[in-house]
Amino acid sequence: MKIISKQRLRKGYNDLVLQTTYDVLVDVFGEKTFSQMLQVMKESYALEWEDIPEKSQVFSSALRKMLGRGATIIEDLIIEKLCLTLGKQLRWEKGLSFSDYLDKLTASYG
């Protein structure tokens, strides 16, 4: 049986979060707007694309400043799609943030 390191599992999970985030943002906004959003996140929030899984609170804050209340819909779509991809049942819990859901999924990954 092959043993996979925690670091490798983490990278696989982070890649999945990035792919899911990309899919949702491009589906909703299109490639051009997605690229512009990344540029704003980089310039205004010092957030690089590959850092989003580790800095989900910064990502969430940036989305909220760019999209207002609409950010919640985008975050929900990302979480829903991620749960579907991972085969996890999603239970919405009052008071949990986008980052909280990602943390819960991280803990159950692998």
PDB file of N, CA and C in Angstrom:
ATOM      1  N   MET A   1       0.835  -1.168   0.000  1.00  0.00           N
ATOM      2  CA  MET A   1       0.000   0.000   0.000  1.00  0.00           C
ATOM      3  C   MET A   1       0.889   1.245   0.000  1.00  0.00           C
ATOM      4  N   LYS A   2       0.589   2.159  -0.866  1.00  0.00           N
ATOM      5  CA  LYS A   2       1.379   3.378  -0.994  1.00  0.00           C
ATOM      6  C   LYS A   2       0.910   4.419   0.028  1.00  0.00           C
ATOM      7  N   ILE A   3       1.853   4.964   0.758  1.00  0.00           N
ATOM      8  CA  ILE A   3       1.530   5.979   1.753  1.00  0.00           C
ATOM      9  C   ILE A   3       1.755   7.353   1.124  1.00  0.00           C
ATOM     10  N   ILE A   4       0.736   8.186   1.230  1.00  0.00           N
ATOM     11  CA  ILE A   4       0.813   9.534   0.668  1.00  0.00           C
ATOM     12  C   ILE A   4       1.058  10.509   1.815  1.00  0.00           C
ATOM     13  N   SER A   5       2.031  11.371   1.641  1.00  0.00           N
ATOM     14  CA  SER A   5       2.372  12.329   2.690  1.00  0.00           C
ATOM     15  C   SER A   5       1.256  13.360   2.863  1.00  0.00           C
ATOM     16  N   LYS A   6       1.200  13.938   4.062  1.00  0.00           N
ATOM     17  CA  LYS A   6       0.217  14.989   4.334  1.00  0.00           C
ATOM     18  C   LYS A   6       0.411  16.173   3.397  1.00  0.00           C
ATOM     19  N   GLN A   7       1.670  16.460   3.079  1.00  0.00           N
ATOM     20  CA  GLN A   7       1.965  17.581   2.187  1.00  0.00           C
ATOM     21  C   GLN A   7       1.373  17.327   0.799  1.00  0.00           C
ATOM     22  N   ARG A   8       1.496  16.106   0.322  1.00  0.00           N
ATOM     23  CA  ARG A   8       0.950  15.759  -0.990  1.00  0.00           C
ATOM     24  C   ARG A   8      -0.577  15.773  -0.986  1.00  0.00           C
ATOM     25  N   LEU A   9      -1.159  15.289   0.102  1.00  0.00           N
ATOM     26  CA  LEU A   9      -2.615  15.345   0.244  1.00  0.00           C
ATOM     27  C   LEU A   9      -3.094  16.792   0.252  1.00  0.00           C
ATOM     28  N   ARG A  10      -2.370  17.631   0.978  1.00  0.00           N
ATOM     29  CA  ARG A  10      -2.725  19.052   1.071  1.00  0.00           C
ATOM     30  C   ARG A  10      -2.659  19.709  -0.295  1.00  0.00           C
ATOM     31  N   LYS A  11      -1.614  19.397  -1.059  1.00  0.00           N
ATOM     32  CA  LYS A  11      -1.481  19.971  -2.398  1.00  0.00           C
ATOM     33  C   LYS A  11      -2.631  19.519  -3.284  1.00  0.00           C
ATOM     34  N   GLY A  12      -2.989  18.242  -3.195  1.00  0.00           N
ATOM     35  CA  GLY A  12      -4.107  17.732  -3.981  1.00  0.00           C
ATOM     36  C   GLY A  12      -5.408  18.431  -3.626  1.00  0.00           C
ATOM     37  N   TYR A  13      -5.618  18.650  -2.335  1.00  0.00           N
ATOM     38  CA  TYR A  13      -6.818  19.350  -1.883  1.00  0.00           C
ATOM     39  C   TYR A  13      -6.791  20.803  -2.356  1.00  0.00           C
ATOM     40  N   ASN A  14      -5.662  21.472  -2.188  1.00  0.00           N
ATOM     41  CA  ASN A  14      -5.546  22.866  -2.626  1.00  0.00           C
ATOM     42  C   ASN A  14      -5.801  22.995  -4.122  1.00  0.00           C
ATOM     43  N   ASP A  15      -5.261  22.065  -4.900  1.00  0.00           N
ATOM     44  CA  ASP A  15      -5.502  22.076  -6.348  1.00  0.00           C
ATOM     45  C   ASP A  15      -6.986  21.921  -6.655  1.00  0.00           C
ATOM     46  N   LEU A  16      -7.655  21.074  -5.895  1.00  0.00           N
ATOM     47  CA  LEU A  16      -9.088  20.864  -6.082  1.00  0.00           C
ATOM     48  C   LEU A  16      -9.874  22.130  -5.736  1.00  0.00           C
ATOM     49  N   VAL A  17      -9.504  22.801  -4.663  1.00  0.00           N
ATOM     50  CA  VAL A  17     -10.159  24.056  -4.279  1.00  0.00           C
ATOM     51  C   VAL A  17      -9.963  25.101  -5.373  1.00  0.00           C
ATOM     52  N   LEU A  18      -8.743  25.203  -5.890  1.00  0.00           N
ATOM     53  CA  LEU A  18      -8.466  26.177  -6.948  1.00  0.00           C
ATOM     54  C   LEU A  18      -9.248  25.860  -8.219  1.00  0.00           C
ATOM     55  N   GLN A  19      -9.285  24.601  -8.609  1.00  0.00           N
ATOM     56  CA  GLN A  19     -10.022  24.217  -9.815  1.00  0.00           C
ATOM     57  C   GLN A  19     -11.513  24.501  -9.650  1.00  0.00           C
ATOM     58  N   THR A  20     -12.047  24.187  -8.490  1.00  0.00           N
ATOM     59  CA  THR A  20     -13.463  24.429  -8.221  1.00  0.00           C
ATOM     60  C   THR A  20     -13.764  25.922  -8.229  1.00  0.00           C
ATOM     61  N   THR A  21     -12.910  26.703  -7.596  1.00  0.00           N
ATOM     62  CA  THR A  21     -13.081  28.154  -7.567  1.00  0.00           C
ATOM     63  C   THR A  21     -13.013  28.717  -8.977  1.00  0.00           C
ATOM     64  N   TYR A  22     -12.047  28.265  -9.751  1.00  0.00           N
ATOM     65  CA  TYR A  22     -11.921  28.691 -11.148  1.00  0.00           C
ATOM     66  C   TYR A  22     -13.200  28.366 -11.916  1.00  0.00           C
ATOM     67  N   ASP A  23     -13.660  27.127 -11.809  1.00  0.00           N
ATOM     68  CA  ASP A  23     -14.853  26.700 -12.546  1.00  0.00           C
ATOM     69  C   ASP A  23     -16.056  27.578 -12.222  1.00  0.00           C
ATOM     70  N   VAL A  24     -16.275  27.835 -10.943  1.00  0.00           N
ATOM     71  CA  VAL A  24     -17.429  28.642 -10.531  1.00  0.00           C
ATOM     72  C   VAL A  24     -17.290  30.078 -11.027  1.00  0.00           C
ATOM     73  N   LEU A  25     -16.137  30.685 -10.804  1.00  0.00           N
ATOM     74  CA  LEU A  25     -15.960  32.085 -11.205  1.00  0.00           C
ATOM     75  C   LEU A  25     -16.066  32.266 -12.715  1.00  0.00           C
ATOM     76  N   VAL A  26     -15.492  31.367 -13.476  1.00  0.00           N
ATOM     77  CA  VAL A  26     -15.560  31.472 -14.939  1.00  0.00           C
ATOM     78  C   VAL A  26     -16.978  31.180 -15.432  1.00  0.00           C
ATOM     79  N   ASP A  27     -17.648  30.205 -14.832  1.00  0.00           N
ATOM     80  CA  ASP A  27     -19.034  29.917 -15.222  1.00  0.00           C
ATOM     81  C   ASP A  27     -19.943  31.118 -14.980  1.00  0.00           C
ATOM     82  N   VAL A  28     -19.741  31.806 -13.881  1.00  0.00           N
ATOM     83  CA  VAL A  28     -20.603  32.927 -13.517  1.00  0.00           C
ATOM     84  C   VAL A  28     -20.210  34.213 -14.243  1.00  0.00           C
ATOM     85  N   PHE A  29     -18.917  34.507 -14.310  1.00  0.00           N
ATOM     86  CA  PHE A  29     -18.470  35.810 -14.801  1.00  0.00           C
ATOM     87  C   PHE A  29     -17.796  35.793 -16.167  1.00  0.00           C
ATOM     88  N   GLY A  30     -17.318  34.648 -16.599  1.00  0.00           N
ATOM     89  CA  GLY A  30     -16.561  34.576 -17.843  1.00  0.00           C
ATOM     90  C   GLY A  30     -15.073  34.750 -17.583  1.00  0.00           C
ATOM     91  N   GLU A  31     -14.284  34.341 -18.561  1.00  0.00           N
ATOM     92  CA  GLU A  31     -12.822  34.339 -18.425  1.00  0.00           C
ATOM     93  C   GLU A  31     -12.246  35.744 -18.244  1.00  0.00           C
ATOM     94  N   LYS A  32     -12.747  36.711 -18.997  1.00  0.00           N
ATOM     95  CA  LYS A  32     -12.199  38.065 -18.941  1.00  0.00           C
ATOM     96  C   LYS A  32     -12.410  38.697 -17.557  1.00  0.00           C
ATOM     97  N   THR A  33     -13.621  38.607 -17.053  1.00  0.00           N
ATOM     98  CA  THR A  33     -13.909  39.169 -15.732  1.00  0.00           C
ATOM     99  C   THR A  33     -13.157  38.414 -14.645  1.00  0.00           C
ATOM    100  N   PHE A  34     -13.049  37.099 -14.797  1.00  0.00           N
ATOM    101  CA  PHE A  34     -12.270  36.294 -13.851  1.00  0.00           C
ATOM    102  C   PHE A  34     -10.837  36.822 -13.780  1.00  0.00           C
ATOM    103  N   SER A  35     -10.225  37.056 -14.919  1.00  0.00           N
ATOM    104  CA  SER A  35      -8.847  37.570 -14.954  1.00  0.00           C
ATOM    105  C   SER A  35      -8.752  38.931 -14.278  1.00  0.00           C
ATOM    106  N   GLN A  36      -9.746  39.774 -14.497  1.00  0.00           N
ATOM    107  CA  GLN A  36      -9.750  41.094 -13.865  1.00  0.00           C
ATOM    108  C   GLN A  36      -9.903  40.977 -12.347  1.00  0.00           C
ATOM    109  N   MET A  37     -10.734  40.048 -11.917  1.00  0.00           N
ATOM    110  CA  MET A  37     -10.903  39.830 -10.476  1.00  0.00           C
ATOM    111  C   MET A  37      -9.586  39.388  -9.838  1.00  0.00           C
ATOM    112  N   LEU A  38      -8.878  38.489 -10.506  1.00  0.00           N
ATOM    113  CA  LEU A  38      -7.583  38.037  -9.984  1.00  0.00           C
ATOM    114  C   LEU A  38      -6.600  39.193  -9.875  1.00  0.00           C
ATOM    115  N   GLN A  39      -6.623  40.063 -10.864  1.00  0.00           N
ATOM    116  CA  GLN A  39      -5.728  41.218 -10.857  1.00  0.00           C
ATOM    117  C   GLN A  39      -6.034  42.130  -9.667  1.00  0.00           C
ATOM    118  N   VAL A  40      -7.313  42.383  -9.417  1.00  0.00           N
ATOM    119  CA  VAL A  40      -7.714  43.210  -8.278  1.00  0.00           C
ATOM    120  C   VAL A  40      -7.295  42.552  -6.965  1.00  0.00           C
ATOM    121  N   MET A  41      -7.492  41.246  -6.863  1.00  0.00           N
ATOM    122  CA  MET A  41      -7.103  40.535  -5.639  1.00  0.00           C
ATOM    123  C   MET A  41      -5.602  40.630  -5.398  1.00  0.00           C
ATOM    124  N   LYS A  42      -4.845  40.545  -6.469  1.00  0.00           N
ATOM    125  CA  LYS A  42      -3.390  40.622  -6.352  1.00  0.00           C
ATOM    126  C   LYS A  42      -2.948  42.033  -5.962  1.00  0.00           C
ATOM    127  N   GLU A  43      -3.487  43.030  -6.643  1.00  0.00           N
ATOM    128  CA  GLU A  43      -3.049  44.409  -6.417  1.00  0.00           C
ATOM    129  C   GLU A  43      -3.601  45.016  -5.128  1.00  0.00           C
ATOM    130  N   SER A  44      -4.852  44.759  -4.836  1.00  0.00           N
ATOM    131  CA  SER A  44      -5.496  45.406  -3.690  1.00  0.00           C
ATOM    132  C   SER A  44      -5.433  44.600  -2.398  1.00  0.00           C
ATOM    133  N   TYR A  45      -5.276  43.287  -2.516  1.00  0.00           N
ATOM    134  CA  TYR A  45      -5.325  42.434  -1.328  1.00  0.00           C
ATOM    135  C   TYR A  45      -4.076  41.573  -1.158  1.00  0.00           C
ATOM    136  N   ALA A  46      -3.091  41.757  -2.020  1.00  0.00           N
ATOM    137  CA  ALA A  46      -1.844  40.975  -1.978  1.00  0.00           C
ATOM    138  C   ALA A  46      -2.141  39.476  -1.946  1.00  0.00           C
ATOM    139  N   LEU A  47      -3.157  39.072  -2.699  1.00  0.00           N
ATOM    140  CA  LEU A  47      -3.581  37.678  -2.724  1.00  0.00           C
ATOM    141  C   LEU A  47      -3.272  37.070  -4.082  1.00  0.00           C
ATOM    142  N   GLU A  48      -2.365  36.109  -4.074  1.00  0.00           N
ATOM    143  CA  GLU A  48      -2.032  35.377  -5.292  1.00  0.00           C
ATOM    144  C   GLU A  48      -3.027  34.239  -5.468  1.00  0.00           C
ATOM    145  N   TRP A  49      -3.297  33.887  -6.695  1.00  0.00           N
ATOM    146  CA  TRP A  49      -4.250  32.828  -7.014  1.00  0.00           C
ATOM    147  C   TRP A  49      -3.962  31.549  -6.237  1.00  0.00           C
ATOM    148  N   GLU A  50      -2.720  31.103  -6.258  1.00  0.00           N
ATOM    149  CA  GLU A  50      -2.377  29.821  -5.633  1.00  0.00           C
ATOM    150  C   GLU A  50      -2.471  29.848  -4.106  1.00  0.00           C
ATOM    151  N   ASP A  51      -2.613  31.045  -3.520  1.00  0.00           N
ATOM    152  CA  ASP A  51      -2.714  31.171  -2.066  1.00  0.00           C
ATOM    153  C   ASP A  51      -4.154  31.136  -1.552  1.00  0.00           C
ATOM    154  N   ILE A  52      -5.119  31.123  -2.444  1.00  0.00           N
ATOM    155  CA  ILE A  52      -6.529  31.186  -2.037  1.00  0.00           C
ATOM    156  C   ILE A  52      -6.914  30.084  -1.046  1.00  0.00           C
ATOM    157  N   PRO A  53      -6.534  28.820  -1.263  1.00  0.00           N
ATOM    158  CA  PRO A  53      -6.942  27.798  -0.286  1.00  0.00           C
ATOM    159  C   PRO A  53      -6.406  28.056   1.126  1.00  0.00           C
ATOM    160  N   GLU A  54      -5.212  28.605   1.215  1.00  0.00           N
ATOM    161  CA  GLU A  54      -4.600  28.868   2.521  1.00  0.00           C
ATOM    162  C   GLU A  54      -5.030  30.212   3.106  1.00  0.00           C
ATOM    163  N   LYS A  55      -5.519  31.096   2.259  1.00  0.00           N
ATOM    164  CA  LYS A  55      -5.934  32.435   2.700  1.00  0.00           C
ATOM    165  C   LYS A  55      -7.393  32.675   2.320  1.00  0.00           C
ATOM    166  N   SER A  56      -8.225  31.723   2.672  1.00  0.00           N
ATOM    167  CA  SER A  56      -9.633  31.798   2.269  1.00  0.00           C
ATOM    168  C   SER A  56     -10.360  32.987   2.895  1.00  0.00           C
ATOM    169  N   GLN A  57      -9.919  33.440   4.067  1.00  0.00           N
ATOM    170  CA  GLN A  57     -10.550  34.608   4.684  1.00  0.00           C
ATOM    171  C   GLN A  57     -10.257  35.869   3.881  1.00  0.00           C
ATOM    172  N   VAL A  58      -9.045  35.997   3.382  1.00  0.00           N
ATOM    173  CA  VAL A  58      -8.685  37.144   2.546  1.00  0.00           C
ATOM    174  C   VAL A  58      -9.474  37.085   1.237  1.00  0.00           C
ATOM    175  N   PHE A  59      -9.557  35.893   0.648  1.00  0.00           N
ATOM    176  CA  PHE A  59     -10.330  35.702  -0.579  1.00  0.00           C
ATOM    177  C   PHE A  59     -11.789  36.094  -0.354  1.00  0.00           C
ATOM    178  N   SER A  60     -12.367  35.638   0.736  1.00  0.00           N
ATOM    179  CA  SER A  60     -13.758  35.943   1.053  1.00  0.00           C
ATOM    180  C   SER A  60     -13.962  37.445   1.233  1.00  0.00           C
ATOM    181  N   SER A  61     -13.056  38.079   1.936  1.00  0.00           N
ATOM    182  CA  SER A  61     -13.135  39.521   2.149  1.00  0.00           C
ATOM    183  C   SER A  61     -13.035  40.281   0.827  1.00  0.00           C
ATOM    184  N   ALA A  62     -12.115  39.857  -0.028  1.00  0.00           N
ATOM    185  CA  ALA A  62     -11.958  40.499  -1.338  1.00  0.00           C
ATOM    186  C   ALA A  62     -13.227  40.334  -2.173  1.00  0.00           C
ATOM    187  N   LEU A  63     -13.786  39.132  -2.180  1.00  0.00           N
ATOM    188  CA  LEU A  63     -15.035  38.902  -2.919  1.00  0.00           C
ATOM    189  C   LEU A  63     -16.141  39.814  -2.408  1.00  0.00           C
ATOM    190  N   ARG A  64     -16.248  39.941  -1.103  1.00  0.00           N
ATOM    191  CA  ARG A  64     -17.309  40.761  -0.511  1.00  0.00           C
ATOM    192  C   ARG A  64     -17.144  42.235  -0.874  1.00  0.00           C
ATOM    193  N   LYS A  65     -15.921  42.686  -0.926  1.00  0.00           N
ATOM    194  CA  LYS A  65     -15.698  44.087  -1.293  1.00  0.00           C
ATOM    195  C   LYS A  65     -15.968  44.318  -2.776  1.00  0.00           C
ATOM    196  N   MET A  66     -15.715  43.317  -3.597  1.00  0.00           N
ATOM    197  CA  MET A  66     -15.962  43.452  -5.037  1.00  0.00           C
ATOM    198  C   MET A  66     -17.428  43.237  -5.401  1.00  0.00           C
ATOM    199  N   LEU A  67     -18.082  42.288  -4.732  1.00  0.00           N
ATOM    200  CA  LEU A  67     -19.418  41.862  -5.154  1.00  0.00           C
ATOM    201  C   LEU A  67     -20.530  42.186  -4.165  1.00  0.00           C
ATOM    202  N   GLY A  68     -20.179  42.677  -3.000  1.00  0.00           N
ATOM    203  CA  GLY A  68     -21.207  42.940  -1.996  1.00  0.00           C
ATOM    204  C   GLY A  68     -21.846  41.638  -1.533  1.00  0.00           C
ATOM    205  N   ARG A  69     -23.162  41.674  -1.343  1.00  0.00           N
ATOM    206  CA  ARG A  69     -23.882  40.483  -0.876  1.00  0.00           C
ATOM    207  C   ARG A  69     -23.805  39.324  -1.856  1.00  0.00           C
ATOM    208  N   GLY A  70     -23.568  39.623  -3.118  1.00  0.00           N
ATOM    209  CA  GLY A  70     -23.459  38.577  -4.131  1.00  0.00           C
ATOM    210  C   GLY A  70     -22.309  37.620  -3.877  1.00  0.00           C
ATOM    211  N   ALA A  71     -21.347  38.040  -3.072  1.00  0.00           N
ATOM    212  CA  ALA A  71     -20.206  37.171  -2.757  1.00  0.00           C
ATOM    213  C   ALA A  71     -20.668  35.895  -2.064  1.00  0.00           C
ATOM    214  N   THR A  72     -21.716  36.004  -1.261  1.00  0.00           N
ATOM    215  CA  THR A  72     -22.232  34.834  -0.546  1.00  0.00           C
ATOM    216  C   THR A  72     -22.687  33.759  -1.525  1.00  0.00           C
ATOM    217  N   ILE A  73     -23.325  34.169  -2.594  1.00  0.00           N
ATOM    218  CA  ILE A  73     -23.789  33.213  -3.608  1.00  0.00           C
ATOM    219  C   ILE A  73     -22.600  32.503  -4.244  1.00  0.00           C
ATOM    220  N   ILE A  74     -21.566  33.252  -4.571  1.00  0.00           N
ATOM    221  CA  ILE A  74     -20.366  32.668  -5.184  1.00  0.00           C
ATOM    222  C   ILE A  74     -19.703  31.694  -4.213  1.00  0.00           C
ATOM    223  N   GLU A  75     -19.558  32.103  -2.964  1.00  0.00           N
ATOM    224  CA  GLU A  75     -18.960  31.217  -1.960  1.00  0.00           C
ATOM    225  C   GLU A  75     -19.780  29.940  -1.798  1.00  0.00           C
ATOM    226  N   ASP A  76     -21.095  30.088  -1.753  1.00  0.00           N
ATOM    227  CA  ASP A  76     -21.966  28.911  -1.620  1.00  0.00           C
ATOM    228  C   ASP A  76     -21.812  27.971  -2.810  1.00  0.00           C
ATOM    229  N   LEU A  77     -21.729  28.536  -4.003  1.00  0.00           N
ATOM    230  CA  LEU A  77     -21.538  27.703  -5.198  1.00  0.00           C
ATOM    231  C   LEU A  77     -20.216  26.943  -5.136  1.00  0.00           C
ATOM    232  N   ILE A  78     -19.170  27.606  -4.671  1.00  0.00           N
ATOM    233  CA  ILE A  78     -17.859  26.952  -4.545  1.00  0.00           C
ATOM    234  C   ILE A  78     -17.945  25.799  -3.544  1.00  0.00           C
ATOM    235  N   ILE A  79     -18.535  26.055  -2.389  1.00  0.00           N
ATOM    236  CA  ILE A  79     -18.657  25.012  -1.361  1.00  0.00           C
ATOM    237  C   ILE A  79     -19.520  23.860  -1.864  1.00  0.00           C
ATOM    238  N   GLU A  80     -20.650  24.171  -2.499  1.00  0.00           N
ATOM    239  CA  GLU A  80     -21.539  23.122  -3.015  1.00  0.00           C
ATOM    240  C   GLU A  80     -20.831  22.249  -4.042  1.00  0.00           C
ATOM    241  N   LYS A  81     -20.127  22.891  -4.970  1.00  0.00           N
ATOM    242  CA  LYS A  81     -19.435  22.132  -6.013  1.00  0.00           C
ATOM    243  C   LYS A  81     -18.293  21.302  -5.420  1.00  0.00           C
ATOM    244  N   LEU A  82     -17.591  21.862  -4.469  1.00  0.00           N
ATOM    245  CA  LEU A  82     -16.497  21.145  -3.816  1.00  0.00           C
ATOM    246  C   LEU A  82     -17.031  19.912  -3.076  1.00  0.00           C
ATOM    247  N   CYS A  83     -18.123  20.075  -2.359  1.00  0.00           N
ATOM    248  CA  CYS A  83     -18.738  18.931  -1.656  1.00  0.00           C
ATOM    249  C   CYS A  83     -19.182  17.865  -2.646  1.00  0.00           C
ATOM    250  N   LEU A  84     -19.782  18.284  -3.737  1.00  0.00           N
ATOM    251  CA  LEU A  84     -20.232  17.341  -4.756  1.00  0.00           C
ATOM    252  C   LEU A  84     -19.045  16.567  -5.327  1.00  0.00           C
ATOM    253  N   THR A  85     -17.972  17.275  -5.636  1.00  0.00           N
ATOM    254  CA  THR A  85     -16.771  16.648  -6.186  1.00  0.00           C
ATOM    255  C   THR A  85     -16.158  15.651  -5.202  1.00  0.00           C
ATOM    256  N   LEU A  86     -16.164  16.012  -3.923  1.00  0.00           N
ATOM    257  CA  LEU A  86     -15.575  15.158  -2.890  1.00  0.00           C
ATOM    258  C   LEU A  86     -16.530  14.063  -2.413  1.00  0.00           C
ATOM    259  N   GLY A  87     -17.770  14.125  -2.876  1.00  0.00           N
ATOM    260  CA  GLY A  87     -18.755  13.139  -2.438  1.00  0.00           C
ATOM    261  C   GLY A  87     -19.170  13.329  -0.986  1.00  0.00           C
ATOM    262  N   LYS A  88     -19.086  14.560  -0.524  1.00  0.00           N
ATOM    263  CA  LYS A  88     -19.450  14.880   0.865  1.00  0.00           C
ATOM    264  C   LYS A  88     -20.849  15.482   0.897  1.00  0.00           C
ATOM    265  N   GLN A  89     -21.601  15.123   1.922  1.00  0.00           N
ATOM    266  CA  GLN A  89     -22.922  15.711   2.099  1.00  0.00           C
ATOM    267  C   GLN A  89     -22.746  17.083   2.730  1.00  0.00           C
ATOM    268  N   LEU A  90     -23.424  18.060   2.165  1.00  0.00           N
ATOM    269  CA  LEU A  90     -23.308  19.428   2.662  1.00  0.00           C
ATOM    270  C   LEU A  90     -24.438  19.716   3.643  1.00  0.00           C
ATOM    271  N   ARG A  91     -24.059  20.197   4.794  1.00  0.00           N
ATOM    272  CA  ARG A  91     -25.037  20.658   5.782  1.00  0.00           C
ATOM    273  C   ARG A  91     -24.717  22.106   6.098  1.00  0.00           C
ATOM    274  N   TRP A  92     -25.632  22.976   5.712  1.00  0.00           N
ATOM    275  CA  TRP A  92     -25.441  24.388   6.020  1.00  0.00           C
ATOM    276  C   TRP A  92     -25.679  24.586   7.512  1.00  0.00           C
ATOM    277  N   GLU A  93     -24.760  25.294   8.138  1.00  0.00           N
ATOM    278  CA  GLU A  93     -24.868  25.569   9.563  1.00  0.00           C
ATOM    279  C   GLU A  93     -24.812  27.072   9.785  1.00  0.00           C
ATOM    280  N   LYS A  94     -25.768  27.556  10.537  1.00  0.00           N
ATOM    281  CA  LYS A  94     -25.837  28.985  10.814  1.00  0.00           C
ATOM    282  C   LYS A  94     -24.549  29.451  11.496  1.00  0.00           C
ATOM    283  N   GLY A  95     -24.041  30.560  11.032  1.00  0.00           N
ATOM    284  CA  GLY A  95     -22.866  31.152  11.656  1.00  0.00           C
ATOM    285  C   GLY A  95     -21.527  30.714  11.088  1.00  0.00           C
ATOM    286  N   LEU A  96     -21.521  29.703  10.211  1.00  0.00           N
ATOM    287  CA  LEU A  96     -20.251  29.270   9.621  1.00  0.00           C
ATOM    288  C   LEU A  96     -19.924  30.116   8.401  1.00  0.00           C
ATOM    289  N   SER A  97     -18.669  30.474   8.289  1.00  0.00           N
ATOM    290  CA  SER A  97     -18.204  31.271   7.154  1.00  0.00           C
ATOM    291  C   SER A  97     -17.680  30.359   6.044  1.00  0.00           C
ATOM    292  N   PHE A  98     -17.388  30.962   4.926  1.00  0.00           N
ATOM    293  CA  PHE A  98     -16.771  30.261   3.803  1.00  0.00           C
ATOM    294  C   PHE A  98     -15.507  29.541   4.271  1.00  0.00           C
ATOM    295  N   SER A  99     -14.680  30.249   5.022  1.00  0.00           N
ATOM    296  CA  SER A  99     -13.433  29.669   5.541  1.00  0.00           C
ATOM    297  C   SER A  99     -13.703  28.497   6.475  1.00  0.00           C
ATOM    298  N   ASP A 100     -14.744  28.618   7.284  1.00  0.00           N
ATOM    299  CA  ASP A 100     -15.104  27.519   8.191  1.00  0.00           C
ATOM    300  C   ASP A 100     -15.455  26.257   7.406  1.00  0.00           C
ATOM    301  N   TYR A 101     -16.235  26.424   6.343  1.00  0.00           N
ATOM    302  CA  TYR A 101     -16.598  25.259   5.526  1.00  0.00           C
ATOM    303  C   TYR A 101     -15.365  24.649   4.864  1.00  0.00           C
ATOM    304  N   LEU A 102     -14.474  25.501   4.364  1.00  0.00           N
ATOM    305  CA  LEU A 102     -13.241  24.973   3.764  1.00  0.00           C
ATOM    306  C   LEU A 102     -12.415  24.226   4.807  1.00  0.00           C
ATOM    307  N   ASP A 103     -12.344  24.765   6.019  1.00  0.00           N
ATOM    308  CA  ASP A 103     -11.606  24.087   7.088  1.00  0.00           C
ATOM    309  C   ASP A 103     -12.211  22.713   7.388  1.00  0.00           C
ATOM    310  N   LYS A 104     -13.537  22.638   7.431  1.00  0.00           N
ATOM    311  CA  LYS A 104     -14.204  21.354   7.692  1.00  0.00           C
ATOM    312  C   LYS A 104     -13.912  20.362   6.571  1.00  0.00           C
ATOM    313  N   LEU A 105     -13.942  20.843   5.330  1.00  0.00           N
ATOM    314  CA  LEU A 105     -13.658  19.957   4.201  1.00  0.00           C
ATOM    315  C   LEU A 105     -12.196  19.523   4.199  1.00  0.00           C
ATOM    316  N   THR A 106     -11.303  20.431   4.574  1.00  0.00           N
ATOM    317  CA  THR A 106      -9.881  20.097   4.659  1.00  0.00           C
ATOM    318  C   THR A 106      -9.670  18.974   5.667  1.00  0.00           C
ATOM    319  N   ALA A 107     -10.326  19.087   6.811  1.00  0.00           N
ATOM    320  CA  ALA A 107     -10.170  18.088   7.869  1.00  0.00           C
ATOM    321  C   ALA A 107     -10.678  16.713   7.436  1.00  0.00           C
ATOM    322  N   SER A 108     -11.661  16.700   6.539  1.00  0.00           N
ATOM    323  CA  SER A 108     -12.234  15.414   6.119  1.00  0.00           C
ATOM    324  C   SER A 108     -11.613  14.883   4.827  1.00  0.00           C
ATOM    325  N   TYR A 109     -10.690  15.641   4.234  1.00  0.00           N
ATOM    326  CA  TYR A 109     -10.083  15.237   2.961  1.00  0.00           C
ATOM    327  C   TYR A 109      -9.021  14.176   3.197  1.00  0.00           C
ATOM    328  N   GLY A 110      -9.006  13.192   2.327  1.00  0.00           N
ATOM    329  CA  GLY A 110      -7.945  12.196   2.353  1.00  0.00           C
ATOM    330  C   GLY A 110      -8.291  11.041   3.121  1.00  0.00           C
TER     331      GLY A 110
END
